[in-house]
Amino acid sequence: MDARVQREGDALVFTGPLDREAVPGLWRAIGGAPEVIRVARLQQVESVDSAGIALLAELASRHPEGLVVEGSPPGLSELRAAYRLGDRLRFG
């Protein structure tokens, strides 16, 4: 499955893998106003690698409270622990 992202209000809904190959296209698809994103819906994400967690952490850094993350695809919890990211993908 190809990686995709769709905006739904203040949420981004991701599908497919969040990996090094997909991240550049996902950034282009996200476009102009990621600072108003409050929720990342990951229920349809196949896997997350370090490039994917970097994309999510960057989005989280643009909101004072971080991101509400819905779903826990393979790789997410391990990378959160490795990079010491909290529940809202903020460093801490």
PDB file of N, CA and C in Angstrom:
ATOM      1  N   MET A   1       0.847  -1.185   0.000  1.00  0.00           N
ATOM      2  CA  MET A   1       0.000   0.000   0.000  1.00  0.00           C
ATOM      3  C   MET A   1       0.889   1.244   0.000  1.00  0.00           C
ATOM      4  N   ASP A   2       0.534   2.201  -0.814  1.00  0.00           N
ATOM      5  CA  ASP A   2       1.261   3.464  -0.854  1.00  0.00           C
ATOM      6  C   ASP A   2       0.893   4.316   0.348  1.00  0.00           C
ATOM      7  N   ALA A   3       1.846   5.102   0.799  1.00  0.00           N
ATOM      8  CA  ALA A   3       1.605   6.015   1.914  1.00  0.00           C
ATOM      9  C   ALA A   3       0.777   7.194   1.424  1.00  0.00           C
ATOM     10  N   ARG A   4      -0.184   7.570   2.243  1.00  0.00           N
ATOM     11  CA  ARG A   4      -1.037   8.726   1.941  1.00  0.00           C
ATOM     12  C   ARG A   4      -1.365   9.444   3.232  1.00  0.00           C
ATOM     13  N   VAL A   5      -1.749  10.710   3.055  1.00  0.00           N
ATOM     14  CA  VAL A   5      -2.218  11.489   4.191  1.00  0.00           C
ATOM     15  C   VAL A   5      -3.394  12.332   3.721  1.00  0.00           C
ATOM     16  N   GLN A   6      -4.386  12.427   4.582  1.00  0.00           N
ATOM     17  CA  GLN A   6      -5.581  13.207   4.277  1.00  0.00           C
ATOM     18  C   GLN A   6      -5.898  14.075   5.480  1.00  0.00           C
ATOM     19  N   ARG A   7      -6.256  15.294   5.214  1.00  0.00           N
ATOM     20  CA  ARG A   7      -6.605  16.225   6.294  1.00  0.00           C
ATOM     21  C   ARG A   7      -8.087  16.110   6.613  1.00  0.00           C
ATOM     22  N   GLU A   8      -8.409  16.028   7.892  1.00  0.00           N
ATOM     23  CA  GLU A   8      -9.787  16.026   8.385  1.00  0.00           C
ATOM     24  C   GLU A   8      -9.850  17.006   9.549  1.00  0.00           C
ATOM     25  N   GLY A   9     -10.181  18.250   9.257  1.00  0.00           N
ATOM     26  CA  GLY A   9     -10.211  19.281  10.299  1.00  0.00           C
ATOM     27  C   GLY A   9      -8.830  19.509  10.868  1.00  0.00           C
ATOM     28  N   ASP A  10      -8.679  19.300  12.184  1.00  0.00           N
ATOM     29  CA  ASP A  10      -7.379  19.490  12.812  1.00  0.00           C
ATOM     30  C   ASP A  10      -6.597  18.184  12.922  1.00  0.00           C
ATOM     31  N   ALA A  11      -6.998  17.181  12.122  1.00  0.00           N
ATOM     32  CA  ALA A  11      -6.343  15.873  12.143  1.00  0.00           C
ATOM     33  C   ALA A  11      -5.727  15.552  10.788  1.00  0.00           C
ATOM     34  N   LEU A  12      -4.661  14.772  10.836  1.00  0.00           N
ATOM     35  CA  LEU A  12      -4.099  14.159   9.648  1.00  0.00           C
ATOM     36  C   LEU A  12      -4.313  12.659   9.771  1.00  0.00           C
ATOM     37  N   VAL A  13      -4.885  12.061   8.727  1.00  0.00           N
ATOM     38  CA  VAL A  13      -5.134  10.623   8.695  1.00  0.00           C
ATOM     39  C   VAL A  13      -4.108  10.011   7.747  1.00  0.00           C
ATOM     40  N   PHE A  14      -3.224   9.185   8.303  1.00  0.00           N
ATOM     41  CA  PHE A  14      -2.164   8.549   7.533  1.00  0.00           C
ATOM     42  C   PHE A  14      -2.553   7.120   7.192  1.00  0.00           C
ATOM     43  N   THR A  15      -2.151   6.665   6.006  1.00  0.00           N
ATOM     44  CA  THR A  15      -2.314   5.269   5.610  1.00  0.00           C
ATOM     45  C   THR A  15      -1.014   4.798   4.972  1.00  0.00           C
ATOM     46  N   GLY A  16      -0.789   3.496   5.021  1.00  0.00           N
ATOM     47  CA  GLY A  16       0.433   2.937   4.459  1.00  0.00           C
ATOM     48  C   GLY A  16       1.595   3.090   5.412  1.00  0.00           C
ATOM     49  N   PRO A  17       2.813   2.862   4.913  1.00  0.00           N
ATOM     50  CA  PRO A  17       3.986   2.978   5.782  1.00  0.00           C
ATOM     51  C   PRO A  17       4.412   4.425   5.976  1.00  0.00           C
ATOM     52  N   LEU A  18       4.875   4.748   7.168  1.00  0.00           N
ATOM     53  CA  LEU A  18       5.528   6.036   7.434  1.00  0.00           C
ATOM     54  C   LEU A  18       7.013   5.734   7.495  1.00  0.00           C
ATOM     55  N   ASP A  19       7.647   5.752   6.316  1.00  0.00           N
ATOM     56  CA  ASP A  19       9.053   5.386   6.241  1.00  0.00           C
ATOM     57  C   ASP A  19       9.839   6.369   5.382  1.00  0.00           C
ATOM     58  N   ARG A  20      11.125   6.140   5.312  1.00  0.00           N
ATOM     59  CA  ARG A  20      12.041   7.047   4.615  1.00  0.00           C
ATOM     60  C   ARG A  20      11.610   7.292   3.178  1.00  0.00           C
ATOM     61  N   GLU A  21      11.137   6.289   2.525  1.00  0.00           N
ATOM     62  CA  GLU A  21      10.694   6.430   1.138  1.00  0.00           C
ATOM     63  C   GLU A  21       9.444   7.295   1.021  1.00  0.00           C
ATOM     64  N   ALA A  22       8.546   7.198   1.973  1.00  0.00           N
ATOM     65  CA  ALA A  22       7.255   7.884   1.909  1.00  0.00           C
ATOM     66  C   ALA A  22       7.276   9.313   2.423  1.00  0.00           C
ATOM     67  N   VAL A  23       8.165   9.625   3.356  1.00  0.00           N
ATOM     68  CA  VAL A  23       8.122  10.912   4.059  1.00  0.00           C
ATOM     69  C   VAL A  23       8.186  12.131   3.133  1.00  0.00           C
ATOM     70  N   PRO A  24       9.060  12.196   2.128  1.00  0.00           N
ATOM     71  CA  PRO A  24       9.072  13.396   1.277  1.00  0.00           C
ATOM     72  C   PRO A  24       7.724  13.670   0.605  1.00  0.00           C
ATOM     73  N   GLY A  25       7.078  12.638   0.107  1.00  0.00           N
ATOM     74  CA  GLY A  25       5.762  12.811  -0.510  1.00  0.00           C
ATOM     75  C   GLY A  25       4.696  13.200   0.497  1.00  0.00           C
ATOM     76  N   LEU A  26       4.796  12.656   1.708  1.00  0.00           N
ATOM     77  CA  LEU A  26       3.834  13.011   2.747  1.00  0.00           C
ATOM     78  C   LEU A  26       3.974  14.477   3.129  1.00  0.00           C
ATOM     79  N   TRP A  27       5.225  14.973   3.236  1.00  0.00           N
ATOM     80  CA  TRP A  27       5.426  16.393   3.534  1.00  0.00           C
ATOM     81  C   TRP A  27       4.802  17.263   2.460  1.00  0.00           C
ATOM     82  N   ARG A  28       4.980  16.894   1.199  1.00  0.00           N
ATOM     83  CA  ARG A  28       4.362  17.676   0.110  1.00  0.00           C
ATOM     84  C   ARG A  28       2.840  17.651   0.227  1.00  0.00           C
ATOM     85  N   ALA A  29       2.296  16.498   0.563  1.00  0.00           N
ATOM     86  CA  ALA A  29       0.837  16.366   0.675  1.00  0.00           C
ATOM     87  C   ALA A  29       0.288  17.149   1.870  1.00  0.00           C
ATOM     88  N   ILE A  30       1.047  17.228   2.951  1.00  0.00           N
ATOM     89  CA  ILE A  30       0.602  17.970   4.132  1.00  0.00           C
ATOM     90  C   ILE A  30       0.482  19.444   3.803  1.00  0.00           C
ATOM     91  N   GLY A  31       1.433  19.964   3.054  1.00  0.00           N
ATOM     92  CA  GLY A  31       1.337  21.336   2.573  1.00  0.00           C
ATOM     93  C   GLY A  31       1.485  22.389   3.644  1.00  0.00           C
ATOM     94  N   GLY A  32       0.692  23.467   3.493  1.00  0.00           N
ATOM     95  CA  GLY A  32       0.946  24.736   4.114  1.00  0.00           C
ATOM     96  C   GLY A  32       0.720  24.976   5.577  1.00  0.00           C
ATOM     97  N   ALA A  33      -0.139  24.292   6.278  1.00  0.00           N
ATOM     98  CA  ALA A  33      -0.476  24.752   7.626  1.00  0.00           C
ATOM     99  C   ALA A  33      -0.399  23.645   8.666  1.00  0.00           C
ATOM    100  N   PRO A  34       0.746  22.974   8.804  1.00  0.00           N
ATOM    101  CA  PRO A  34       0.801  21.900   9.795  1.00  0.00           C
ATOM    102  C   PRO A  34       0.703  22.387  11.237  1.00  0.00           C
ATOM    103  N   GLU A  35       0.874  23.700  11.474  1.00  0.00           N
ATOM    104  CA  GLU A  35       0.828  24.181  12.857  1.00  0.00           C
ATOM    105  C   GLU A  35      -0.552  24.047  13.489  1.00  0.00           C
ATOM    106  N   VAL A  36      -1.600  23.856  12.694  1.00  0.00           N
ATOM    107  CA  VAL A  36      -2.935  23.701  13.263  1.00  0.00           C
ATOM    108  C   VAL A  36      -3.335  22.236  13.414  1.00  0.00           C
ATOM    109  N   ILE A  37      -2.412  21.334  13.148  1.00  0.00           N
ATOM    110  CA  ILE A  37      -2.695  19.911  13.290  1.00  0.00           C
ATOM    111  C   ILE A  37      -2.574  19.527  14.763  1.00  0.00           C
ATOM    112  N   ARG A  38      -3.607  18.910  15.287  1.00  0.00           N
ATOM    113  CA  ARG A  38      -3.604  18.508  16.696  1.00  0.00           C
ATOM    114  C   ARG A  38      -3.673  16.996  16.880  1.00  0.00           C
ATOM    115  N   VAL A  39      -4.099  16.276  15.827  1.00  0.00           N
ATOM    116  CA  VAL A  39      -4.307  14.834  15.931  1.00  0.00           C
ATOM    117  C   VAL A  39      -3.626  14.142  14.753  1.00  0.00           C
ATOM    118  N   ALA A  40      -2.942  13.041  15.046  1.00  0.00           N
ATOM    119  CA  ALA A  40      -2.396  12.165  14.009  1.00  0.00           C
ATOM    120  C   ALA A  40      -3.105  10.828  14.135  1.00  0.00           C
ATOM    121  N   ARG A  41      -3.865  10.467  13.119  1.00  0.00           N
ATOM    122  CA  ARG A  41      -4.590   9.190  13.120  1.00  0.00           C
ATOM    123  C   ARG A  41      -3.746   8.162  12.379  1.00  0.00           C
ATOM    124  N   LEU A  42      -3.275   7.169  13.113  1.00  0.00           N
ATOM    125  CA  LEU A  42      -2.335   6.192  12.579  1.00  0.00           C
ATOM    126  C   LEU A  42      -2.912   4.788  12.521  1.00  0.00           C
ATOM    127  N   GLN A  43      -4.216   4.634  12.663  1.00  0.00           N
ATOM    128  CA  GLN A  43      -4.821   3.316  12.690  1.00  0.00           C
ATOM    129  C   GLN A  43      -4.577   2.520  11.406  1.00  0.00           C
ATOM    130  N   GLN A  44      -4.389   3.196  10.284  1.00  0.00           N
ATOM    131  CA  GLN A  44      -4.201   2.513   9.002  1.00  0.00           C
ATOM    132  C   GLN A  44      -2.744   2.537   8.537  1.00  0.00           C
ATOM    133  N   VAL A  45      -1.836   2.848   9.454  1.00  0.00           N
ATOM    134  CA  VAL A  45      -0.413   2.874   9.129  1.00  0.00           C
ATOM    135  C   VAL A  45       0.152   1.470   9.335  1.00  0.00           C
ATOM    136  N   GLU A  46       0.895   1.002   8.332  1.00  0.00           N
ATOM    137  CA  GLU A  46       1.461  -0.347   8.368  1.00  0.00           C
ATOM    138  C   GLU A  46       2.679  -0.447   9.271  1.00  0.00           C
ATOM    139  N   SER A  47       3.513   0.593   9.259  1.00  0.00           N
ATOM    140  CA  SER A  47       4.742   0.587  10.050  1.00  0.00           C
ATOM    141  C   SER A  47       5.309   1.998  10.100  1.00  0.00           C
ATOM    142  N   VAL A  48       6.169   2.233  11.099  1.00  0.00           N
ATOM    143  CA  VAL A  48       6.828   3.528  11.273  1.00  0.00           C
ATOM    144  C   VAL A  48       8.324   3.277  11.421  1.00  0.00           C
ATOM    145  N   ASP A  49       9.146   4.029  10.678  1.00  0.00           N
ATOM    146  CA  ASP A  49      10.591   3.971  10.885  1.00  0.00           C
ATOM    147  C   ASP A  49      11.066   5.321  11.413  1.00  0.00           C
ATOM    148  N   SER A  50      12.380   5.509  11.503  1.00  0.00           N
ATOM    149  CA  SER A  50      12.902   6.732  12.105  1.00  0.00           C
ATOM    150  C   SER A  50      12.519   7.978  11.315  1.00  0.00           C
ATOM    151  N   ALA A  51      12.402   7.889  10.000  1.00  0.00           N
ATOM    152  CA  ALA A  51      11.964   9.047   9.208  1.00  0.00           C
ATOM    153  C   ALA A  51      10.502   9.375   9.512  1.00  0.00           C
ATOM    154  N   GLY A  52       9.687   8.348   9.689  1.00  0.00           N
ATOM    155  CA  GLY A  52       8.281   8.560  10.023  1.00  0.00           C
ATOM    156  C   GLY A  52       8.103   9.193  11.392  1.00  0.00           C
ATOM    157  N   ILE A  53       8.881   8.725  12.373  1.00  0.00           N
ATOM    158  CA  ILE A  53       8.767   9.323  13.706  1.00  0.00           C
ATOM    159  C   ILE A  53       9.284  10.754  13.685  1.00  0.00           C
ATOM    160  N   ALA A  54      10.280  11.043  12.854  1.00  0.00           N
ATOM    161  CA  ALA A  54      10.775  12.421  12.729  1.00  0.00           C
ATOM    162  C   ALA A  54       9.698  13.327  12.164  1.00  0.00           C
ATOM    163  N   LEU A  55       8.950  12.866  11.167  1.00  0.00           N
ATOM    164  CA  LEU A  55       7.844  13.649  10.602  1.00  0.00           C
ATOM    165  C   LEU A  55       6.806  13.942  11.688  1.00  0.00           C
ATOM    166  N   LEU A  56       6.424  12.920  12.435  1.00  0.00           N
ATOM    167  CA  LEU A  56       5.420  13.102  13.482  1.00  0.00           C
ATOM    168  C   LEU A  56       5.931  14.014  14.596  1.00  0.00           C
ATOM    169  N   ALA A  57       7.189  13.858  14.983  1.00  0.00           N
ATOM    170  CA  ALA A  57       7.752  14.712  16.039  1.00  0.00           C
ATOM    171  C   ALA A  57       7.826  16.161  15.583  1.00  0.00           C
ATOM    172  N   GLU A  58       8.135  16.391  14.317  1.00  0.00           N
ATOM    173  CA  GLU A  58       8.165  17.761  13.803  1.00  0.00           C
ATOM    174  C   GLU A  58       6.767  18.374  13.836  1.00  0.00           C
ATOM    175  N   LEU A  59       5.761  17.622  13.434  1.00  0.00           N
ATOM    176  CA  LEU A  59       4.387  18.125  13.525  1.00  0.00           C
ATOM    177  C   LEU A  59       4.021  18.415  14.976  1.00  0.00           C
ATOM    178  N   ALA A  60       4.419  17.525  15.887  1.00  0.00           N
ATOM    179  CA  ALA A  60       4.115  17.720  17.309  1.00  0.00           C
ATOM    180  C   ALA A  60       4.800  18.964  17.854  1.00  0.00           C
ATOM    181  N   SER A  61       6.002  19.256  17.372  1.00  0.00           N
ATOM    182  CA  SER A  61       6.745  20.405  17.883  1.00  0.00           C
ATOM    183  C   SER A  61       6.096  21.733  17.481  1.00  0.00           C
ATOM    184  N   ARG A  62       5.244  21.715  16.499  1.00  0.00           N
ATOM    185  CA  ARG A  62       4.605  22.937  16.011  1.00  0.00           C
ATOM    186  C   ARG A  62       3.329  23.280  16.770  1.00  0.00           C
ATOM    187  N   HIS A  63       2.911  22.396  17.661  1.00  0.00           N
ATOM    188  CA  HIS A  63       1.720  22.656  18.459  1.00  0.00           C
ATOM    189  C   HIS A  63       2.145  22.672  19.923  1.00  0.00           C
ATOM    190  N   PRO A  64       1.724  23.663  20.692  1.00  0.00           N
ATOM    191  CA  PRO A  64       2.182  23.777  22.086  1.00  0.00           C
ATOM    192  C   PRO A  64       1.932  22.532  22.926  1.00  0.00           C
ATOM    193  N   GLU A  65       0.896  21.794  22.618  1.00  0.00           N
ATOM    194  CA  GLU A  65       0.569  20.608  23.411  1.00  0.00           C
ATOM    195  C   GLU A  65       0.994  19.311  22.745  1.00  0.00           C
ATOM    196  N   GLY A  66       1.641  19.383  21.589  1.00  0.00           N
ATOM    197  CA  GLY A  66       2.021  18.181  20.861  1.00  0.00           C
ATOM    198  C   GLY A  66       0.840  17.618  20.094  1.00  0.00           C
ATOM    199  N   LEU A  67       0.955  16.373  19.686  1.00  0.00           N
ATOM    200  CA  LEU A  67      -0.093  15.705  18.911  1.00  0.00           C
ATOM    201  C   LEU A  67      -0.814  14.672  19.756  1.00  0.00           C
ATOM    202  N   VAL A  68      -2.100  14.562  19.566  1.00  0.00           N
ATOM    203  CA  VAL A  68      -2.845  13.422  20.073  1.00  0.00           C
ATOM    204  C   VAL A  68      -2.650  12.328  19.030  1.00  0.00           C
ATOM    205  N   VAL A  69      -2.124  11.192  19.433  1.00  0.00           N
ATOM    206  CA  VAL A  69      -1.849  10.095  18.515  1.00  0.00           C
ATOM    207  C   VAL A  69      -2.912   9.032  18.700  1.00  0.00           C
ATOM    208  N   GLU A  70      -3.573   8.704  17.607  1.00  0.00           N
ATOM    209  CA  GLU A  70      -4.588   7.645  17.622  1.00  0.00           C
ATOM    210  C   GLU A  70      -4.047   6.470  16.821  1.00  0.00           C
ATOM    211  N   GLY A  71      -3.918   5.341  17.464  1.00  0.00           N
ATOM    212  CA  GLY A  71      -3.374   4.144  16.827  1.00  0.00           C
ATOM    213  C   GLY A  71      -1.941   3.909  17.266  1.00  0.00           C
ATOM    214  N   SER A  72      -1.486   2.668  17.106  1.00  0.00           N
ATOM    215  CA  SER A  72      -0.127   2.311  17.508  1.00  0.00           C
ATOM    216  C   SER A  72       0.443   1.298  16.515  1.00  0.00           C
ATOM    217  N   PRO A  73       0.868   1.792  15.333  1.00  0.00           N
ATOM    218  CA  PRO A  73       1.404   0.881  14.325  1.00  0.00           C
ATOM    219  C   PRO A  73       2.743   0.286  14.745  1.00  0.00           C
ATOM    220  N   PRO A  74       3.139  -0.823  14.115  1.00  0.00           N
ATOM    221  CA  PRO A  74       4.425  -1.431  14.425  1.00  0.00           C
ATOM    222  C   PRO A  74       5.571  -0.426  14.281  1.00  0.00           C
ATOM    223  N   GLY A  75       6.441  -0.406  15.273  1.00  0.00           N
ATOM    224  CA  GLY A  75       7.597   0.475  15.278  1.00  0.00           C
ATOM    225  C   GLY A  75       7.404   1.746  16.076  1.00  0.00           C
ATOM    226  N   LEU A  76       6.167   2.188  16.250  1.00  0.00           N
ATOM    227  CA  LEU A  76       5.935   3.472  16.913  1.00  0.00           C
ATOM    228  C   LEU A  76       6.391   3.462  18.371  1.00  0.00           C
ATOM    229  N   SER A  77       5.965   2.498  19.146  1.00  0.00           N
ATOM    230  CA  SER A  77       6.296   2.522  20.581  1.00  0.00           C
ATOM    231  C   SER A  77       7.792   2.343  20.806  1.00  0.00           C
ATOM    232  N   GLU A  78       8.452   1.515  20.004  1.00  0.00           N
ATOM    233  CA  GLU A  78       9.888   1.319  20.148  1.00  0.00           C
ATOM    234  C   GLU A  78      10.657   2.611  19.828  1.00  0.00           C
ATOM    235  N   LEU A  79      10.251   3.299  18.760  1.00  0.00           N
ATOM    236  CA  LEU A  79      10.916   4.549  18.388  1.00  0.00           C
ATOM    237  C   LEU A  79      10.617   5.659  19.385  1.00  0.00           C
ATOM    238  N   ARG A  80       9.397   5.706  19.904  1.00  0.00           N
ATOM    239  CA  ARG A  80       9.087   6.694  20.947  1.00  0.00           C
ATOM    240  C   ARG A  80      10.010   6.495  22.141  1.00  0.00           C
ATOM    241  N   ALA A  81      10.187   5.256  22.530  1.00  0.00           N
ATOM    242  CA  ALA A  81      11.059   4.968  23.673  1.00  0.00           C
ATOM    243  C   ALA A  81      12.511   5.317  23.348  1.00  0.00           C
ATOM    244  N   ALA A  82      12.977   4.958  22.164  1.00  0.00           N
ATOM    245  CA  ALA A  82      14.372   5.209  21.785  1.00  0.00           C
ATOM    246  C   ALA A  82      14.689   6.700  21.739  1.00  0.00           C
ATOM    247  N   TYR A  83      13.735   7.496  21.286  1.00  0.00           N
ATOM    248  CA  TYR A  83      13.955   8.943  21.166  1.00  0.00           C
ATOM    249  C   TYR A  83      13.394   9.730  22.350  1.00  0.00           C
ATOM    250  N   ARG A  84      12.923   9.004  23.363  1.00  0.00           N
ATOM    251  CA  ARG A  84      12.371   9.624  24.580  1.00  0.00           C
ATOM    252  C   ARG A  84      11.250  10.606  24.270  1.00  0.00           C
ATOM    253  N   LEU A  85      10.331  10.182  23.424  1.00  0.00           N
ATOM    254  CA  LEU A  85       9.169  10.999  23.078  1.00  0.00           C
ATOM    255  C   LEU A  85       7.990  10.587  23.944  1.00  0.00           C
ATOM    256  N   GLY A  86       7.294  11.561  24.486  1.00  0.00           N
ATOM    257  CA  GLY A  86       6.121  11.287  25.310  1.00  0.00           C
ATOM    258  C   GLY A  86       4.916  10.869  24.473  1.00  0.00           C
ATOM    259  N   ASP A  87       3.784  10.716  25.139  1.00  0.00           N
ATOM    260  CA  ASP A  87       2.548  10.287  24.481  1.00  0.00           C
ATOM    261  C   ASP A  87       2.147  11.200  23.340  1.00  0.00           C
ATOM    262  N   ARG A  88       2.464  12.483  23.457  1.00  0.00           N
ATOM    263  CA  ARG A  88       2.101  13.448  22.413  1.00  0.00           C
ATOM    264  C   ARG A  88       3.273  13.755  21.492  1.00  0.00           C
ATOM    265  N   LEU A  89       4.248  12.868  21.513  1.00  0.00           N
ATOM    266  CA  LEU A  89       5.417  12.931  20.637  1.00  0.00           C
ATOM    267  C   LEU A  89       6.256  14.191  20.843  1.00  0.00           C
ATOM    268  N   ARG A  90       6.300  14.612  22.084  1.00  0.00           N
ATOM    269  CA  ARG A  90       7.180  15.732  22.469  1.00  0.00           C
ATOM    270  C   ARG A  90       8.356  15.132  23.224  1.00  0.00           C
ATOM    271  N   PHE A  91       9.518  15.761  23.095  1.00  0.00           N
ATOM    272  CA  PHE A  91      10.682  15.296  23.836  1.00  0.00           C
ATOM    273  C   PHE A  91      10.462  15.531  25.324  1.00  0.00           C
ATOM    274  N   GLY A  92      10.882  14.583  26.114  1.00  0.00           N
ATOM    275  CA  GLY A  92      10.712  14.753  27.535  1.00  0.00           C
ATOM    276  C   GLY A  92      10.953  13.566  28.288  1.00  0.00           C
TER     277      GLY A  92
END
